[in-house]
């Protein structure tokens, strides 16, 4: 039985009472998040993962191009301490220089090279021949375990990248990366403690001393922290949009958040050095009298120490900066205080389905390594 639409509309108008009310019940949408919890979780302690240290040799003008070929390299499979890998960008301006470099590489047990630039034009007025390539001699553990499909081609003319291997107190081998610049500056990332740093300094002197006619030692310059990487967990999920608004509006922190480019809230804390660790004076922003300065001018004044921290949805926090450990821990205290204070406004709960969802099993990667019988016999004899 069909009903005419016009008849239905007329029936509605006849029975309509403007004083009558109608109640509608919207079905509740399933939600997997809530906005508040009665208990504020405690943040974990700050964990300093790595430090990058600086040292200076007493030689201010080092011929890195010559030293690179002289540095001895230990074959990776041998259980010995020493240099297991060295890397540098090598340039040749004549065919004879290029041929000499190729001859030197033939004397090595293992090497890789990546051609960066190659010019061979005899009729050109300038730059008739030029060959630039990144040369890597030796192999490290990272080369064996890393599955990077495309190797980075970056390297520097004025720097030798060296990988040392030495035996730890627990009987395990440890590898450390060192960059030796032609100015005598040494950059050492991945320093975990002072004892490791002392071991690295001894190895550097043992390797570099035979390269010079004069005695080799470290200049009496205070050790500098180039970069400190640290992290901690606040143990609750975070509404990043709300946190970003609070940091900018309430605390005036230089914060940016764009989920399309970076998954966390990126912030910059400007530590005013004259105020020290006075929490009442430090605000983490550039003072009004210094706002007219550019970033370069602000850096030259050395009035501020910039520390960056990133906060992610899962509660993970990273703090990175070219600063001392005192400044780093001061920023850590500031970040934890903000997270605890603003907990009711930024907290979101994790869905039960998310926690109970099936986890993907880690894919087991396998690599086949073939060892010849003579190599295995030699290795076995050394081990015994």
Protein backbone atom coordinates (compact mmCIF):
# COMPACT_ATOMS: atom_id res chain seq x y z
CA UNK A 1 0.00 0.00 0.00
CA UNK A 2 1.50 3.27 -1.16
CA UNK A 3 0.93 6.62 0.58
CA UNK A 4 1.04 9.86 -1.30
CA UNK A 5 3.71 12.25 -0.04
CA UNK A 6 1.37 15.26 -0.17
CA UNK A 7 -1.18 13.45 2.00
CA UNK A 8 1.46 12.64 4.55
CA UNK A 9 2.58 16.29 4.73
CA UNK A 10 -1.01 17.52 5.14
CA UNK A 11 -1.62 15.01 7.94
CA UNK A 12 1.49 16.23 9.71
CA UNK A 13 0.38 19.88 9.55
CA UNK A 14 -3.09 19.05 10.91
CA UNK A 15 -1.72 17.14 13.91
CA UNK A 16 1.20 19.52 14.60
CA UNK A 17 1.28 21.27 18.00
CA UNK A 18 3.93 23.93 18.40
CA UNK A 19 4.01 23.32 22.17
CA UNK A 20 4.75 19.64 21.78
CA UNK A 21 8.26 18.38 22.17
CA UNK A 22 10.00 15.40 20.74
CA UNK A 23 12.88 13.56 22.28
CA UNK A 24 15.52 11.91 20.20
CA UNK A 25 18.10 9.50 21.51
CA UNK A 26 21.30 9.42 19.50
CA UNK A 27 23.16 6.16 19.71
CA UNK A 28 26.33 6.54 21.71
CA UNK A 29 29.39 6.25 19.54
CA UNK A 30 31.94 3.77 20.64
CA UNK A 31 34.94 5.64 21.97
CA UNK A 32 38.28 4.27 22.86
CA UNK A 33 39.69 7.31 24.65
CA UNK A 34 38.97 9.21 27.81
CA UNK A 35 40.27 12.58 28.83
CA UNK A 36 41.14 12.23 32.46
CA UNK A 37 42.56 9.82 34.98
CA UNK A 38 42.51 10.18 38.73
CA UNK A 39 46.12 9.15 39.21
CA UNK A 40 49.07 11.01 37.71
CA UNK A 41 51.82 8.59 36.63
CA UNK A 42 55.40 9.29 37.64
CA UNK A 43 57.92 10.10 34.93
CA UNK A 44 60.93 7.86 34.52
CA UNK A 45 64.42 9.01 35.37
CA UNK A 46 66.41 10.70 32.63
CA UNK A 47 68.54 8.27 30.65
CA UNK A 48 71.57 9.75 28.88
CA UNK A 49 72.14 7.42 25.95
CA UNK A 50 75.24 8.93 24.33
CA UNK A 51 77.60 11.87 24.51
CA UNK A 52 79.76 13.31 21.77
CA UNK A 53 83.11 14.54 23.07
CA UNK A 54 85.82 16.77 21.62
CA UNK A 55 89.59 16.42 21.90
CA UNK A 56 92.46 18.37 20.34
CA UNK A 57 95.85 17.03 19.31
CA UNK A 58 98.94 19.21 19.63
CA UNK A 59 99.34 19.06 15.82
CA UNK A 60 97.31 21.84 14.21
CA UNK A 61 98.02 21.05 10.55
CA UNK A 62 97.61 17.34 9.84
CA UNK A 63 98.10 15.85 6.38
CA UNK A 64 95.06 13.59 6.55
CA UNK A 65 95.46 12.48 2.91
CA UNK A 66 98.84 10.90 3.72
CA UNK A 67 97.95 9.56 7.16
CA UNK A 68 94.83 7.85 5.79
CA UNK A 69 96.88 5.39 3.75
CA UNK A 70 99.38 4.78 6.58
CA UNK A 71 96.88 3.83 9.28
CA UNK A 72 97.01 0.04 9.83
CA UNK A 73 93.73 -1.87 9.60
CA UNK A 74 93.03 -5.13 11.43
CA UNK A 75 91.05 -7.73 9.52
CA UNK A 76 87.57 -7.92 11.00
CA UNK A 77 87.51 -11.67 11.60
CA UNK A 78 90.65 -11.61 13.74
CA UNK A 79 89.95 -11.27 17.48
CA UNK A 80 92.36 -8.37 17.89
CA UNK A 81 92.18 -4.77 19.04
CA UNK A 82 92.89 -1.87 16.70
CA UNK A 83 91.46 -0.04 13.70
CA UNK A 84 89.00 -2.23 11.82
CA UNK A 85 87.67 0.41 9.43
CA UNK A 86 88.73 3.78 8.01
CA UNK A 87 86.95 6.08 5.59
CA UNK A 88 87.72 9.29 3.71
CA UNK A 89 86.93 11.22 0.55
CA UNK A 90 89.94 10.87 -1.77
CA UNK A 91 90.63 13.22 -4.68
CA UNK A 92 92.98 12.80 -7.64
CA UNK A 93 93.72 15.63 -10.09
CA UNK A 94 95.81 13.56 -12.50
CA UNK A 95 95.53 10.08 -13.94
CA UNK A 96 98.78 9.17 -12.23
CA UNK A 97 97.36 10.05 -8.80
CA UNK A 98 94.25 8.03 -9.53
CA UNK A 99 96.33 5.03 -10.61
CA UNK A 100 98.42 5.30 -7.44
CA UNK A 101 95.29 5.26 -5.30
CA UNK A 102 94.05 2.18 -7.11
CA UNK A 103 97.39 0.47 -6.50
CA UNK A 104 97.14 1.20 -2.78
CA UNK A 105 93.66 -0.27 -2.63
CA UNK A 106 94.82 -3.53 -4.19
CA UNK A 107 97.08 -4.09 -1.18
CA UNK A 108 94.10 -4.02 1.23
CA UNK A 109 92.15 -7.12 2.22
CA UNK A 110 88.72 -5.47 1.83
CA UNK A 111 87.55 -2.11 0.53
CA UNK A 112 84.58 -0.36 -1.03
CA UNK A 113 84.49 2.83 -3.07
CA UNK A 114 81.79 5.18 -4.25
CA UNK A 115 82.59 7.55 -7.12
CA UNK A 116 81.26 11.01 -6.32
CA UNK A 117 82.62 13.00 -9.27
CA UNK A 118 84.70 12.01 -12.27
CA UNK A 119 85.95 14.32 -15.04
CA UNK A 120 88.15 13.17 -17.92
CA UNK A 121 88.17 15.79 -20.69
CA UNK A 122 91.64 16.36 -22.22
CA UNK A 123 90.43 19.22 -24.46
CA UNK A 124 88.93 21.25 -21.60
CA UNK A 125 90.63 24.52 -20.64
CA UNK A 126 90.19 23.84 -16.93
CA UNK A 127 89.62 20.70 -14.88
CA UNK A 128 90.85 18.30 -17.53
CA UNK A 129 90.88 15.46 -15.03
CA UNK A 130 89.35 15.08 -11.60
CA UNK A 131 88.38 12.01 -9.63
CA UNK A 132 86.56 12.20 -6.28
CA UNK A 133 85.44 9.08 -4.48
CA UNK A 134 84.62 7.90 -0.99
CA UNK A 135 87.01 5.12 -0.03
CA UNK A 136 86.26 2.72 2.82
CA UNK A 137 88.89 0.22 3.92
CA UNK A 138 87.89 -2.52 6.35
CA UNK A 139 84.58 -3.60 7.78
CA UNK A 140 82.74 -3.07 11.06
CA UNK A 141 79.92 -4.87 12.86
CA UNK A 142 77.45 -2.34 11.51
CA UNK A 143 78.26 -3.43 7.97
CA UNK A 144 77.47 -7.04 8.85
CA UNK A 145 74.24 -6.42 10.76
CA UNK A 146 72.87 -3.41 8.87
CA UNK A 147 70.45 -4.03 6.01
CA UNK A 148 70.52 -0.58 4.48
CA UNK A 149 69.83 -0.97 0.80
CA UNK A 150 71.56 2.23 -0.29
CA UNK A 151 74.80 3.32 1.32
CA UNK A 152 75.36 6.96 2.19
CA UNK A 153 77.84 8.69 -0.09
CA UNK A 154 78.72 11.57 2.23
CA UNK A 155 82.36 12.08 3.25
CA UNK A 156 84.80 14.95 3.84
CA UNK A 157 88.23 15.79 2.44
CA UNK A 158 89.57 17.21 5.69
CA UNK A 159 88.49 14.33 7.92
CA UNK A 160 89.30 10.66 8.47
CA UNK A 161 86.52 8.53 9.95
CA UNK A 162 88.00 5.69 12.00
CA UNK A 163 86.34 2.76 13.76
CA UNK A 164 88.29 1.40 16.73
CA UNK A 165 87.72 -2.00 18.30
CA UNK A 166 88.91 -2.85 21.79
CA UNK A 167 88.20 -5.40 24.49
CA UNK A 168 85.93 -4.39 27.36
CA UNK A 169 86.42 -5.41 30.96
CA UNK A 170 83.60 -7.93 30.58
CA UNK A 171 85.52 -9.69 27.81
CA UNK A 172 83.45 -8.34 24.92
CA UNK A 173 84.65 -6.27 21.99
CA UNK A 174 83.39 -2.72 21.71
CA UNK A 175 83.54 -0.47 18.64
CA UNK A 176 83.82 3.31 18.79
CA UNK A 177 83.75 5.87 16.00
CA UNK A 178 86.31 8.70 15.84
CA UNK A 179 86.61 11.58 13.37
CA UNK A 180 90.10 13.04 12.93
CA UNK A 181 90.16 16.50 11.33
CA UNK A 182 93.14 18.18 9.67
CA UNK A 183 93.09 20.88 12.36
CA UNK A 184 93.90 18.33 15.08
CA UNK A 185 90.34 18.27 16.33
CA UNK A 186 88.86 14.90 17.27
CA UNK A 187 85.14 14.23 17.45
CA UNK A 188 84.06 11.11 19.35
CA UNK A 189 80.35 10.19 19.44
CA UNK A 190 78.78 7.44 21.50
CA UNK A 191 80.64 8.04 24.77
CA UNK A 192 78.73 6.37 27.61
CA UNK A 193 81.02 6.96 30.59
CA UNK A 194 84.40 8.37 31.62
CA UNK A 195 86.15 5.00 31.67
CA UNK A 196 85.23 4.41 28.04
CA UNK A 197 86.45 7.89 27.17
CA UNK A 198 89.82 7.21 28.84
CA UNK A 199 90.23 3.97 26.90
CA UNK A 200 89.50 5.75 23.62
CA UNK A 201 92.09 8.45 24.35
CA UNK A 202 94.77 5.83 24.96
CA UNK A 203 93.97 4.10 21.66
CA UNK A 204 94.07 7.38 19.76
CA UNK A 205 97.52 8.22 21.08
CA UNK A 206 98.82 4.71 20.34
CA UNK A 207 97.66 4.94 16.72
CA UNK A 208 98.47 8.58 15.96
CA UNK A 209 101.90 8.84 17.63
CA UNK A 210 103.77 6.83 14.92
CA UNK A 211 102.31 9.15 12.26
CA UNK A 212 104.33 12.17 13.44
CA UNK A 213 107.99 12.87 14.04
CA UNK A 214 107.23 15.03 17.08
CA UNK A 215 105.65 13.73 20.30
CA UNK A 216 101.88 13.50 20.17
CA UNK A 217 99.63 14.48 23.06
CA UNK A 218 96.30 16.14 23.73
CA UNK A 219 96.21 19.87 24.18
CA UNK A 220 95.22 21.09 27.62
CA UNK A 221 91.74 22.13 26.59
CA UNK A 222 88.72 21.36 28.78
CA UNK A 223 86.65 18.50 27.43
CA UNK A 224 83.62 19.79 25.57
CA UNK A 225 80.24 18.21 25.06
CA UNK A 226 79.26 18.55 21.42
CA UNK A 227 75.96 16.75 21.69
CA UNK A 228 74.10 14.85 24.41
CA UNK A 229 71.23 12.51 23.57
CA UNK A 230 68.82 11.57 26.36
CA UNK A 231 65.31 10.22 26.76
CA UNK A 232 62.67 9.26 29.30
CA UNK A 233 59.04 8.08 29.47
CA UNK A 234 56.20 9.94 31.17
CA UNK A 235 54.11 6.71 31.23
CA UNK A 236 50.86 8.04 29.76
CA UNK A 237 49.53 8.84 26.32
CA UNK A 238 49.52 12.49 25.30
CA UNK A 239 47.15 14.65 23.29
CA UNK A 240 49.74 16.38 21.16
CA UNK A 241 47.44 19.14 19.89
CA UNK A 242 46.48 20.11 23.44
CA UNK A 243 50.09 19.97 24.62
CA UNK A 244 51.24 22.12 21.72
CA UNK A 245 48.63 24.78 22.51
CA UNK A 246 49.50 24.79 26.22
CA UNK A 247 53.25 25.08 25.63
CA UNK A 248 52.81 28.02 23.29
CA UNK A 249 49.98 29.82 25.06
CA UNK A 250 50.75 29.24 28.74
CA UNK A 251 54.51 28.74 28.85
CA UNK A 252 55.52 30.75 25.74
CA UNK A 253 57.78 27.89 24.63
CA UNK A 254 58.89 27.82 20.99
CA UNK A 255 56.92 24.70 20.02
CA UNK A 256 55.86 23.34 16.65
CA UNK A 257 53.67 20.39 15.76
CA UNK A 258 52.82 19.03 12.33
CA UNK A 259 51.86 15.37 12.32
CA UNK A 260 52.49 15.16 8.57
CA UNK A 261 56.18 16.02 8.98
CA UNK A 262 57.09 14.81 12.48
CA UNK A 263 55.17 12.57 14.91
CA UNK A 264 56.02 14.58 18.02
CA UNK A 265 55.80 18.09 19.44
CA UNK A 266 59.16 19.75 18.76
CA UNK A 267 60.21 22.38 21.28
CA UNK A 268 63.19 24.66 21.88
CA UNK A 269 64.22 25.74 25.37
CA UNK A 270 66.54 28.77 25.62
CA UNK A 271 68.58 28.52 28.82
CA UNK A 272 69.84 31.98 29.83
CA UNK A 273 73.36 31.33 31.14
CA UNK A 274 73.49 34.32 33.51
CA UNK A 275 70.50 33.06 35.50
CA UNK A 276 72.07 29.65 36.07
CA UNK A 277 69.76 26.98 37.46
CA UNK A 278 67.38 29.46 39.10
CA UNK A 279 64.00 27.93 38.22
CA UNK A 280 62.14 31.13 39.14
CA UNK A 281 64.07 33.26 36.64
CA UNK A 282 64.52 30.75 33.84
CA UNK A 283 61.55 30.83 31.46
CA UNK A 284 62.97 28.97 28.48
CA UNK A 285 62.47 31.92 26.12
CA UNK A 286 64.65 34.69 24.73
CA UNK A 287 64.43 37.86 26.80
CA UNK A 288 62.72 40.92 25.33
CA UNK A 289 65.97 42.90 25.03
CA UNK A 290 67.46 40.14 22.86
CA UNK A 291 64.52 39.46 20.56
CA UNK A 292 65.83 41.82 17.88
CA UNK A 293 68.94 39.67 17.40
CA UNK A 294 69.09 37.13 14.61
CA UNK A 295 69.75 33.46 15.32
CA UNK A 296 73.38 33.85 14.22
CA UNK A 297 73.90 36.93 16.39
CA UNK A 298 72.23 35.21 19.31
CA UNK A 299 74.61 32.26 18.96
CA UNK A 300 77.68 34.51 18.89
CA UNK A 301 76.69 36.27 22.11
CA UNK A 302 76.83 32.92 23.96
CA UNK A 303 74.21 34.21 26.36
CA UNK A 304 71.87 31.30 25.72
CA UNK A 305 72.17 27.54 25.52
CA UNK A 306 69.56 26.06 23.21
CA UNK A 307 68.20 22.65 24.17
CA UNK A 308 65.64 20.82 22.03
CA UNK A 309 63.08 18.39 23.38
CA UNK A 310 60.49 16.31 21.55
CA UNK A 311 57.36 14.78 23.10
CA UNK A 312 55.46 11.95 21.40
CA UNK A 313 51.94 10.55 21.70
CA UNK A 314 53.07 7.39 23.50
CA UNK A 315 54.72 9.42 26.27
CA UNK A 316 58.26 9.12 24.99
CA UNK A 317 60.38 12.25 25.38
CA UNK A 318 63.75 13.10 23.83
CA UNK A 319 66.07 15.84 25.07
CA UNK A 320 69.00 16.79 22.85
CA UNK A 321 71.42 19.69 23.09
CA UNK A 322 74.95 21.01 22.85
CA UNK A 323 75.13 21.62 26.56
CA UNK A 324 76.42 20.38 29.87
CA UNK A 325 74.70 17.66 31.83
CA UNK A 326 73.61 20.24 34.43
CA UNK A 327 71.66 22.22 31.82
CA UNK A 328 70.23 19.02 30.35
CA UNK A 329 68.87 17.89 33.71
CA UNK A 330 67.44 21.35 34.37
CA UNK A 331 65.44 21.12 31.15
CA UNK A 332 64.38 17.59 32.13
CA UNK A 333 62.98 18.94 35.41
CA UNK A 334 61.08 21.63 33.51
CA UNK A 335 59.56 19.16 31.05
CA UNK A 336 58.49 16.70 33.74
CA UNK A 337 56.95 19.51 35.79
CA UNK A 338 54.90 20.66 32.79
CA UNK A 339 53.72 17.12 32.02
CA UNK A 340 52.67 16.45 35.61
CA UNK A 341 50.98 19.85 36.02
CA UNK A 342 49.06 19.65 32.74
CA UNK A 343 48.26 15.94 33.06
CA UNK A 344 44.44 16.41 33.32
CA UNK A 345 44.47 18.52 30.13
CA UNK A 346 46.73 16.42 27.92
CA UNK A 347 46.09 12.83 29.05
CA UNK A 348 44.37 10.35 26.74
CA UNK A 349 43.82 6.67 27.49
CA UNK A 350 44.92 3.87 25.26
CA UNK A 351 42.17 1.72 23.78
CA UNK A 352 41.78 -1.71 25.26
CA UNK A 353 41.57 -3.08 21.76
CA UNK A 354 44.88 -1.44 20.94
CA UNK A 355 46.63 -3.07 23.87
CA UNK A 356 45.10 -6.46 23.15
CA UNK A 357 45.59 -6.32 19.40
CA UNK A 358 47.75 -8.95 17.90
CA UNK A 359 51.34 -7.83 17.75
CA UNK A 360 53.29 -8.37 14.61
CA UNK A 361 56.09 -10.79 15.07
CA UNK A 362 59.50 -9.44 14.27
CA UNK A 363 60.76 -10.81 11.02
CA UNK A 364 63.90 -12.82 11.49
CA UNK A 365 66.53 -11.62 9.08
CA UNK A 366 69.20 -14.03 8.04
CA UNK A 367 72.50 -13.42 6.36
CA UNK A 368 74.67 -16.14 4.94
CA UNK A 369 78.40 -15.77 5.62
CA UNK A 370 80.76 -18.13 3.85
CA UNK A 371 84.12 -18.80 5.53
CA UNK A 372 86.79 -20.64 3.60
CA UNK A 373 88.64 -23.56 5.17
CA UNK A 374 92.04 -21.77 5.39
CA UNK A 375 90.42 -18.77 7.12
CA UNK A 376 88.56 -21.01 9.55
CA UNK A 377 91.72 -22.97 10.37
CA UNK A 378 93.65 -19.76 10.96
CA UNK A 379 90.88 -18.38 13.18
CA UNK A 380 90.73 -21.62 15.15
CA UNK A 381 94.49 -21.59 15.73
CA UNK A 382 94.37 -18.00 17.02
CA UNK A 383 91.46 -18.79 19.35
CA UNK A 384 93.36 -21.71 20.83
